[in-house]
Protein backbone atom coordinates (compact mmCIF):
# COMPACT_ATOMS: atom_id res chain seq x y z
CA MET A 1 -54.22 -119.27 35.29
CA ALA A 2 -56.12 -116.31 33.81
CA GLY A 3 -59.65 -115.00 35.10
CA TRP A 4 -62.81 -115.25 33.70
CA PHE A 5 -66.56 -113.97 33.59
CA GLU A 6 -69.35 -116.38 34.49
CA VAL A 7 -73.13 -115.40 33.83
CA ASP A 8 -75.83 -116.25 35.71
CA LYS A 9 -79.44 -115.95 36.92
CA ALA A 10 -80.76 -114.47 39.98
CA LYS A 11 -83.32 -115.85 42.18
CA ASP A 12 -85.74 -113.27 41.03
CA GLY A 13 -85.08 -114.43 37.39
CA GLN A 14 -82.60 -111.16 36.41
CA PHE A 15 -79.09 -112.02 34.84
CA LYS A 16 -75.95 -110.90 36.79
CA PHE A 17 -72.23 -111.61 35.91
CA VAL A 18 -69.27 -111.95 38.19
CA LEU A 19 -64.98 -111.71 37.14
CA LYS A 20 -63.31 -114.15 38.83
CA ALA A 21 -59.40 -113.98 39.18
CA GLY A 22 -57.35 -117.13 38.31
CA ASN A 23 -57.89 -118.58 41.73
CA ALA A 24 -61.72 -118.60 41.46
CA GLU A 25 -61.98 -115.89 43.51
CA ILE A 26 -64.77 -113.27 42.63
CA ILE A 27 -63.01 -110.01 42.05
CA LEU A 28 -65.89 -107.94 40.33
CA THR A 29 -69.76 -108.36 40.64
CA SER A 30 -72.50 -106.66 38.13
CA GLU A 31 -75.66 -105.04 38.79
CA LEU A 32 -78.95 -107.12 38.29
CA TYR A 33 -80.08 -106.86 34.43
CA LYS A 34 -83.57 -107.76 32.99
CA THR A 35 -82.24 -109.58 30.23
CA LYS A 36 -78.55 -112.13 29.19
CA ALA A 37 -78.04 -109.92 26.29
CA SER A 38 -77.82 -106.93 28.68
CA ALA A 39 -75.42 -108.93 31.21
CA MET A 40 -73.31 -109.40 28.15
CA ASN A 41 -73.40 -106.19 27.17
CA GLY A 42 -71.75 -105.27 30.63
CA ILE A 43 -69.35 -108.12 30.19
CA ALA A 44 -68.30 -106.13 27.23
CA SER A 45 -67.88 -102.82 29.09
CA VAL A 46 -65.63 -104.03 31.60
CA GLN A 47 -63.70 -105.65 29.11
CA LYS A 48 -63.15 -102.48 27.64
CA ASN A 49 -62.77 -100.46 30.42
CA SER A 50 -60.80 -102.20 33.09
CA GLY A 51 -57.41 -101.33 31.74
CA ASP A 52 -58.00 -97.57 32.34
CA ASP A 53 -57.43 -96.57 35.92
CA ALA A 54 -59.69 -93.63 35.37
CA ARG A 55 -62.33 -95.73 35.35
CA PHE A 56 -62.05 -97.16 39.12
CA ASP A 57 -63.54 -95.27 41.54
CA ARG A 58 -62.02 -95.75 45.07
CA LYS A 59 -64.54 -95.61 47.58
CA VAL A 60 -65.09 -96.39 51.70
CA ALA A 61 -68.33 -97.85 53.07
CA LYS A 62 -69.95 -96.80 55.81
CA ASN A 63 -68.35 -99.24 57.92
CA ASP A 64 -64.93 -97.75 56.81
CA LYS A 65 -64.22 -100.88 54.40
CA PRO A 66 -62.82 -99.77 51.22
CA TYR A 67 -63.99 -101.10 47.85
CA PHE A 68 -64.35 -99.97 44.33
CA ASN A 69 -66.55 -99.44 41.60
CA LEU A 70 -65.50 -100.05 37.81
CA LYS A 71 -67.33 -97.32 35.71
CA ALA A 72 -67.87 -96.93 31.88
CA ALA A 73 -66.94 -93.91 29.88
CA ASN A 74 -70.69 -92.59 30.87
CA HIS A 75 -69.97 -92.72 34.40
CA GLN A 76 -72.41 -95.87 35.23
CA ILE A 77 -71.27 -98.57 37.30
CA ILE A 78 -70.37 -101.80 35.60
CA GLY A 79 -69.15 -103.54 38.77
CA THR A 80 -68.53 -103.47 42.39
CA SER A 81 -65.87 -105.07 44.32
CA GLN A 82 -66.20 -106.93 47.86
CA TYR A 83 -65.27 -104.76 50.89
CA TYR A 84 -61.51 -105.08 51.78
CA ALA A 85 -59.61 -104.72 55.20
CA SER A 86 -57.10 -102.15 53.76
CA GLU A 87 -56.71 -99.73 51.10
CA ALA A 88 -53.72 -101.68 50.17
CA SER A 89 -55.59 -104.89 49.59
CA ARG A 90 -58.29 -102.88 47.43
CA ASP A 91 -55.79 -101.23 45.10
CA ASN A 92 -54.42 -105.18 44.63
CA GLY A 93 -58.00 -106.03 43.77
CA ILE A 94 -58.24 -103.22 41.25
CA GLU A 95 -54.98 -104.44 39.68
CA SER A 96 -56.48 -107.73 39.35
CA VAL A 97 -59.54 -106.39 37.65
CA LYS A 98 -56.89 -104.52 35.30
CA LYS A 99 -55.21 -108.02 34.52
CA ASN A 100 -58.06 -109.97 34.42
CA GLY A 101 -61.05 -107.99 32.81
CA SER A 102 -59.81 -108.18 29.20
CA SER A 103 -60.55 -112.30 29.44
CA GLU A 104 -62.64 -113.40 26.82
CA THR A 105 -63.55 -116.62 28.53
CA ILE A 106 -67.23 -116.47 29.62
CA LYS A 107 -68.83 -119.25 31.50
CA ASP A 108 -72.72 -119.64 31.00
CA LEU A 109 -74.27 -120.85 33.86
CA THR A 110 -77.82 -120.30 32.85
CA VAL A 111 -78.01 -123.28 30.56
């Protein structure tokens, strides 16, 4: 099963999106956006940039857990992964975003 995006409203009224893999696991989470249109633009940016390995910034958190950011061409962070137990599992997460990030399926949970 292919992945999809979900757009939702945060408790403070701002908008966010997640990218889910075919198994419904969240593989990328966006920042908060003031408008739904901005969140939709963020999804379009993931669709455009997720196939390019150079757009993935591989990081290690202060707690020594690997994670990654997906960045746009202007170096703005589009989305952030969860923390992973190993660099290998983080790299598998990146491959999953590459595979699922071009999905055109968007589930609007704001309605």
